[in-house]
PDB file of N, CA and C in Angstrom:
ATOM      1  N   MET A   1      21.168  -5.938  16.186  1.00  0.00           N
ATOM      2  CA  MET A   1      19.990  -6.097  15.795  1.00  0.00           C
ATOM      3  C   MET A   1      19.175  -7.048  16.719  1.00  0.00           C
ATOM      4  N   THR A   2      17.925  -7.205  16.885  1.00  0.00           N
ATOM      5  CA  THR A   2      17.172  -7.831  17.748  1.00  0.00           C
ATOM      6  C   THR A   2      16.170  -8.336  17.106  1.00  0.00           C
ATOM      7  N   ILE A   3      15.703  -9.677  17.100  1.00  0.00           N
ATOM      8  CA  ILE A   3      14.524 -10.116  16.608  1.00  0.00           C
ATOM      9  C   ILE A   3      13.707 -10.764  17.649  1.00  0.00           C
ATOM     10  N   GLY A   4      12.651 -10.270  17.574  1.00  0.00           N
ATOM     11  CA  GLY A   4      11.440 -10.961  18.752  1.00  0.00           C
ATOM     12  C   GLY A   4      10.553 -11.958  17.954  1.00  0.00           C
ATOM     13  N   ILE A   5      10.195 -13.045  18.550  1.00  0.00           N
ATOM     14  CA  ILE A   5       9.161 -14.009  17.753  1.00  0.00           C
ATOM     15  C   ILE A   5       8.285 -14.331  18.722  1.00  0.00           C
ATOM     16  N   ASP A   6       7.177 -14.246  18.551  1.00  0.00           N
ATOM     17  CA  ASP A   6       5.796 -14.770  19.298  1.00  0.00           C
ATOM     18  C   ASP A   6       5.319 -16.008  18.555  1.00  0.00           C
ATOM     19  N   LEU A   7       5.731 -17.111  19.021  1.00  0.00           N
ATOM     20  CA  LEU A   7       5.333 -18.318  18.677  1.00  0.00           C
ATOM     21  C   LEU A   7       3.691 -18.936  18.734  1.00  0.00           C
ATOM     22  N   GLY A   8       3.038 -18.822  17.903  1.00  0.00           N
ATOM     23  CA  GLY A   8       1.638 -19.075  18.201  1.00  0.00           C
ATOM     24  C   GLY A   8       1.146 -20.734  17.517  1.00  0.00           C
ATOM     25  N   ASP A   9      -0.151 -21.058  17.663  1.00  0.00           N
ATOM     26  CA  ASP A   9      -0.650 -22.245  17.427  1.00  0.00           C
ATOM     27  C   ASP A   9      -0.602 -22.343  15.695  1.00  0.00           C
ATOM     28  N   VAL A  10      -0.994 -21.203  15.105  1.00  0.00           N
ATOM     29  CA  VAL A  10      -1.426 -21.191  13.865  1.00  0.00           C
ATOM     30  C   VAL A  10      -0.293 -20.251  13.158  1.00  0.00           C
ATOM     31  N   TRP A  11      -0.048 -18.962  13.564  1.00  0.00           N
ATOM     32  CA  TRP A  11       0.531 -18.222  12.949  1.00  0.00           C
ATOM     33  C   TRP A  11       1.864 -17.671  14.037  1.00  0.00           C
ATOM     34  N   SER A  12       3.038 -17.420  13.710  1.00  0.00           N
ATOM     35  CA  SER A  12       3.766 -16.842  14.445  1.00  0.00           C
ATOM     36  C   SER A  12       4.236 -15.394  13.678  1.00  0.00           C
ATOM     37  N   HIS A  13       4.446 -14.534  14.882  1.00  0.00           N
ATOM     38  CA  HIS A  13       4.687 -13.228  14.429  1.00  0.00           C
ATOM     39  C   HIS A  13       6.043 -12.851  14.905  1.00  0.00           C
ATOM     40  N   TYR A  14       6.728 -12.110  14.315  1.00  0.00           N
ATOM     41  CA  TYR A  14       8.106 -11.223  14.404  1.00  0.00           C
ATOM     42  C   TYR A  14       8.444  -9.835  14.448  1.00  0.00           C
ATOM     43  N   CYS A  15       9.132  -9.487  15.167  1.00  0.00           N
ATOM     44  CA  CYS A  15       9.553  -7.854  14.831  1.00  0.00           C
ATOM     45  C   CYS A  15      11.252  -7.652  15.130  1.00  0.00           C
ATOM     46  N   THR A  16      11.564  -6.871  14.117  1.00  0.00           N
ATOM     47  CA  THR A  16      13.229  -6.823  14.090  1.00  0.00           C
ATOM     48  C   THR A  16      13.098  -5.275  14.597  1.00  0.00           C
ATOM     49  N   LEU A  17      14.251  -5.251  15.669  1.00  0.00           N
ATOM     50  CA  LEU A  17      14.903  -3.747  16.213  1.00  0.00           C
ATOM     51  C   LEU A  17      16.337  -3.815  15.916  1.00  0.00           C
ATOM     52  N   ASN A  18      16.350  -2.539  15.247  1.00  0.00           N
ATOM     53  CA  ASN A  18      17.910  -2.074  15.006  1.00  0.00           C
ATOM     54  C   ASN A  18      18.452  -1.748  16.155  1.00  0.00           C
ATOM     55  N   GLN A  19      20.034  -1.327  15.984  1.00  0.00           N
ATOM     56  CA  GLN A  19      20.815  -0.847  17.013  1.00  0.00           C
ATOM     57  C   GLN A  19      20.301   0.124  18.294  1.00  0.00           C
ATOM     58  N   ASP A  20      19.086   0.999  17.407  1.00  0.00           N
ATOM     59  CA  ASP A  20      18.822   1.917  18.247  1.00  0.00           C
ATOM     60  C   ASP A  20      17.324   1.463  18.928  1.00  0.00           C
ATOM     61  N   GLY A  21      16.956   0.496  18.687  1.00  0.00           N
ATOM     62  CA  GLY A  21      15.800  -0.217  19.561  1.00  0.00           C
ATOM     63  C   GLY A  21      14.448   0.342  18.593  1.00  0.00           C
ATOM     64  N   GLU A  22      14.844   0.507  17.196  1.00  0.00           N
ATOM     65  CA  GLU A  22      13.562   0.982  16.443  1.00  0.00           C
ATOM     66  C   GLU A  22      13.206  -0.251  15.647  1.00  0.00           C
ATOM     67  N   ALA A  23      11.941  -0.446  15.493  1.00  0.00           N
ATOM     68  CA  ALA A  23      11.243  -1.379  14.736  1.00  0.00           C
ATOM     69  C   ALA A  23      11.615  -1.007  13.324  1.00  0.00           C
ATOM     70  N   VAL A  24      12.580  -2.150  12.612  1.00  0.00           N
ATOM     71  CA  VAL A  24      12.610  -1.961  11.056  1.00  0.00           C
ATOM     72  C   VAL A  24      11.916  -3.033  10.281  1.00  0.00           C
ATOM     73  N   ASP A  25      11.423  -4.000  10.749  1.00  0.00           N
ATOM     74  CA  ASP A  25      10.733  -5.088   9.991  1.00  0.00           C
ATOM     75  C   ASP A  25       9.799  -6.095  11.214  1.00  0.00           C
ATOM     76  N   ARG A  26       8.435  -6.271  10.607  1.00  0.00           N
ATOM     77  CA  ARG A  26       7.481  -6.898  11.345  1.00  0.00           C
ATOM     78  C   ARG A  26       6.733  -7.821  10.245  1.00  0.00           C
ATOM     79  N   GLY A  27       6.281  -8.963  10.784  1.00  0.00           N
ATOM     80  CA  GLY A  27       5.769  -9.692   9.840  1.00  0.00           C
ATOM     81  C   GLY A  27       4.971 -11.116  10.708  1.00  0.00           C
ATOM     82  N   ARG A  28       4.822 -12.040   9.904  1.00  0.00           N
ATOM     83  CA  ARG A  28       4.266 -13.334  10.450  1.00  0.00           C
ATOM     84  C   ARG A  28       4.309 -14.443   9.406  1.00  0.00           C
ATOM     85  N   PHE A  29       4.531 -15.647   9.844  1.00  0.00           N
ATOM     86  CA  PHE A  29       4.704 -16.863   9.098  1.00  0.00           C
ATOM     87  C   PHE A  29       3.821 -17.785   9.837  1.00  0.00           C
ATOM     88  N   ARG A  30       3.727 -18.950   9.026  1.00  0.00           N
ATOM     89  CA  ARG A  30       2.930 -20.013   9.333  1.00  0.00           C
ATOM     90  C   ARG A  30       3.739 -20.760  10.424  1.00  0.00           C
ATOM     91  N   THR A  31       3.038 -21.389  11.489  1.00  0.00           N
ATOM     92  CA  THR A  31       3.896 -22.070  12.526  1.00  0.00           C
ATOM     93  C   THR A  31       3.798 -23.629  11.970  1.00  0.00           C
ATOM     94  N   THR A  32       4.445 -23.776  10.947  1.00  0.00           N
ATOM     95  CA  THR A  32       4.587 -25.087  10.514  1.00  0.00           C
ATOM     96  C   THR A  32       6.383 -25.549  10.527  1.00  0.00           C
ATOM     97  N   PRO A  33       6.790 -26.731  10.764  1.00  0.00           N
ATOM     98  CA  PRO A  33       8.159 -27.161  10.386  1.00  0.00           C
ATOM     99  C   PRO A  33       8.702 -26.390   9.221  1.00  0.00           C
ATOM    100  N   LYS A  34       7.990 -26.454   8.229  1.00  0.00           N
ATOM    101  CA  LYS A  34       8.607 -26.070   6.946  1.00  0.00           C
ATOM    102  C   LYS A  34       8.627 -24.569   6.912  1.00  0.00           C
ATOM    103  N   ALA A  35       7.556 -23.756   7.286  1.00  0.00           N
ATOM    104  CA  ALA A  35       7.637 -22.331   7.126  1.00  0.00           C
ATOM    105  C   ALA A  35       8.466 -21.719   8.235  1.00  0.00           C
ATOM    106  N   ILE A  36       8.682 -22.391   9.247  1.00  0.00           N
ATOM    107  CA  ILE A  36       9.743 -21.871  10.299  1.00  0.00           C
ATOM    108  C   ILE A  36      11.158 -22.255   9.760  1.00  0.00           C
ATOM    109  N   GLU A  37      11.625 -23.194   9.156  1.00  0.00           N
ATOM    110  CA  GLU A  37      12.610 -23.484   8.529  1.00  0.00           C
ATOM    111  C   GLU A  37      13.054 -22.391   7.384  1.00  0.00           C
ATOM    112  N   LYS A  38      12.034 -22.033   6.475  1.00  0.00           N
ATOM    113  CA  LYS A  38      12.063 -21.059   5.650  1.00  0.00           C
ATOM    114  C   LYS A  38      12.325 -19.562   6.054  1.00  0.00           C
ATOM    115  N   TRP A  39      11.768 -19.466   7.100  1.00  0.00           N
ATOM    116  CA  TRP A  39      12.000 -18.135   7.928  1.00  0.00           C
ATOM    117  C   TRP A  39      13.332 -17.964   8.195  1.00  0.00           C
ATOM    118  N   PHE A  40      13.801 -19.016   8.835  1.00  0.00           N
ATOM    119  CA  PHE A  40      15.229 -18.623   9.450  1.00  0.00           C
ATOM    120  C   PHE A  40      16.219 -18.806   8.175  1.00  0.00           C
ATOM    121  N   THR A  41      16.149 -19.359   7.389  1.00  0.00           N
ATOM    122  CA  THR A  41      16.669 -19.530   5.976  1.00  0.00           C
ATOM    123  C   THR A  41      16.900 -18.328   5.455  1.00  0.00           C
ATOM    124  N   ASP A  42      15.642 -17.271   5.450  1.00  0.00           N
ATOM    125  CA  ASP A  42      15.379 -16.134   4.962  1.00  0.00           C
ATOM    126  C   ASP A  42      16.313 -15.136   5.692  1.00  0.00           C
ATOM    127  N   VAL A  43      16.270 -15.233   6.762  1.00  0.00           N
ATOM    128  CA  VAL A  43      17.009 -14.316   7.659  1.00  0.00           C
ATOM    129  C   VAL A  43      18.358 -14.501   7.479  1.00  0.00           C
ATOM    130  N   ALA A  44      19.044 -15.546   7.358  1.00  0.00           N
ATOM    131  CA  ALA A  44      20.427 -15.954   7.365  1.00  0.00           C
ATOM    132  C   ALA A  44      20.686 -15.292   5.834  1.00  0.00           C
ATOM    133  N   ARG A  45      20.007 -15.409   4.751  1.00  0.00           N
ATOM    134  CA  ARG A  45      19.990 -14.852   3.326  1.00  0.00           C
ATOM    135  C   ARG A  45      20.327 -13.372   3.324  1.00  0.00           C
ATOM    136  N   ARG A  46      19.571 -12.854   4.314  1.00  0.00           N
ATOM    137  CA  ARG A  46      19.561 -11.318   4.376  1.00  0.00           C
ATOM    138  C   ARG A  46      20.661 -10.855   5.276  1.00  0.00           C
ATOM    139  N   GLY A  47      21.964 -11.759   5.534  1.00  0.00           N
ATOM    140  CA  GLY A  47      23.018 -11.317   6.007  1.00  0.00           C
ATOM    141  C   GLY A  47      23.288 -11.635   7.710  1.00  0.00           C
ATOM    142  N   SER A  48      21.817 -11.767   8.186  1.00  0.00           N
ATOM    143  CA  SER A  48      21.667 -11.710   9.742  1.00  0.00           C
ATOM    144  C   SER A  48      22.545 -13.306  10.039  1.00  0.00           C
ATOM    145  N   ARG A  49      23.055 -12.981  11.174  1.00  0.00           N
ATOM    146  CA  ARG A  49      23.593 -14.024  11.959  1.00  0.00           C
ATOM    147  C   ARG A  49      22.722 -14.444  13.121  1.00  0.00           C
ATOM    148  N   TRP A  50      21.905 -15.511  13.111  1.00  0.00           N
ATOM    149  CA  TRP A  50      21.030 -16.004  13.881  1.00  0.00           C
ATOM    150  C   TRP A  50      22.016 -16.752  15.329  1.00  0.00           C
ATOM    151  N   ARG A  51      21.726 -15.777  16.508  1.00  0.00           N
ATOM    152  CA  ARG A  51      22.310 -16.472  17.893  1.00  0.00           C
ATOM    153  C   ARG A  51      21.236 -16.231  18.678  1.00  0.00           C
ATOM    154  N   PRO A  52      20.936 -17.368  19.108  1.00  0.00           N
ATOM    155  CA  PRO A  52      19.851 -17.463  20.075  1.00  0.00           C
ATOM    156  C   PRO A  52      20.427 -16.456  21.526  1.00  0.00           C
ATOM    157  N   GLY A  53      19.526 -15.803  22.080  1.00  0.00           N
ATOM    158  CA  GLY A  53      19.690 -14.978  22.950  1.00  0.00           C
ATOM    159  C   GLY A  53      18.753 -15.364  24.217  1.00  0.00           C
ATOM    160  N   HIS A  54      18.125 -14.192  24.613  1.00  0.00           N
ATOM    161  CA  HIS A  54      17.144 -14.679  25.863  1.00  0.00           C
ATOM    162  C   HIS A  54      15.989 -15.222  25.087  1.00  0.00           C
ATOM    163  N   ILE A  55      15.537 -16.431  25.686  1.00  0.00           N
ATOM    164  CA  ILE A  55      14.268 -17.144  25.380  1.00  0.00           C
ATOM    165  C   ILE A  55      13.557 -17.144  26.662  1.00  0.00           C
ATOM    166  N   ARG A  56      12.394 -16.877  26.382  1.00  0.00           N
ATOM    167  CA  ARG A  56      11.113 -17.040  27.399  1.00  0.00           C
ATOM    168  C   ARG A  56      10.004 -17.884  26.826  1.00  0.00           C
ATOM    169  N   SER A  57       9.422 -18.494  27.570  1.00  0.00           N
ATOM    170  CA  SER A  57       8.457 -19.400  27.222  1.00  0.00           C
ATOM    171  C   SER A  57       7.304 -19.344  27.880  1.00  0.00           C
ATOM    172  N   GLY A  58       6.283 -19.571  27.721  1.00  0.00           N
ATOM    173  CA  GLY A  58       5.003 -19.729  28.372  1.00  0.00           C
ATOM    174  C   GLY A  58       4.036 -20.868  27.655  1.00  0.00           C
ATOM    175  N   SER A  59       2.782 -20.907  28.376  1.00  0.00           N
ATOM    176  CA  SER A  59       1.865 -21.958  27.685  1.00  0.00           C
ATOM    177  C   SER A  59       0.760 -21.310  27.225  1.00  0.00           C
ATOM    178  N   VAL A  60      -0.134 -22.139  26.701  1.00  0.00           N
ATOM    179  CA  VAL A  60      -1.664 -21.668  26.213  1.00  0.00           C
ATOM    180  C   VAL A  60      -2.480 -21.405  27.579  1.00  0.00           C
ATOM    181  N   PRO A  61      -2.917 -20.267  27.669  1.00  0.00           N
ATOM    182  CA  PRO A  61      -3.645 -19.846  28.755  1.00  0.00           C
ATOM    183  C   PRO A  61      -4.938 -20.873  28.871  1.00  0.00           C
ATOM    184  N   SER A  62      -5.074 -21.253  30.052  1.00  0.00           N
ATOM    185  CA  SER A  62      -5.975 -22.540  30.225  1.00  0.00           C
ATOM    186  C   SER A  62      -7.550 -22.016  30.028  1.00  0.00           C
ATOM    187  N   TRP A  63      -7.975 -20.640  29.341  1.00  0.00           N
ATOM    188  CA  TRP A  63      -9.155 -20.303  29.230  1.00  0.00           C
ATOM    189  C   TRP A  63      -9.282 -20.563  27.658  1.00  0.00           C
ATOM    190  N   ARG A  64      -8.080 -21.014  26.981  1.00  0.00           N
ATOM    191  CA  ARG A  64      -8.025 -21.188  25.391  1.00  0.00           C
ATOM    192  C   ARG A  64      -8.507 -22.958  25.169  1.00  0.00           C
ATOM    193  N   ASN A  65      -8.294 -23.557  26.290  1.00  0.00           N
ATOM    194  CA  ASN A  65      -8.569 -25.090  26.144  1.00  0.00           C
ATOM    195  C   ASN A  65     -10.052 -25.245  25.815  1.00  0.00           C
TER     196      ASN A  65
END
């Protein structure tokens, strides 16, 4: 399983892929410390083992300022 997360200023979006690369879950959560902690806790409760893998980061584009 692979989980991709796009962290945003207000909302963060995620997509979960199965072993065949098919999207099996998509959604969003608020980008607040409490909501992020809840999302990771819920992932663990569903039996997923969170293992950070490839991490890419970027910044807010200058045109957004």
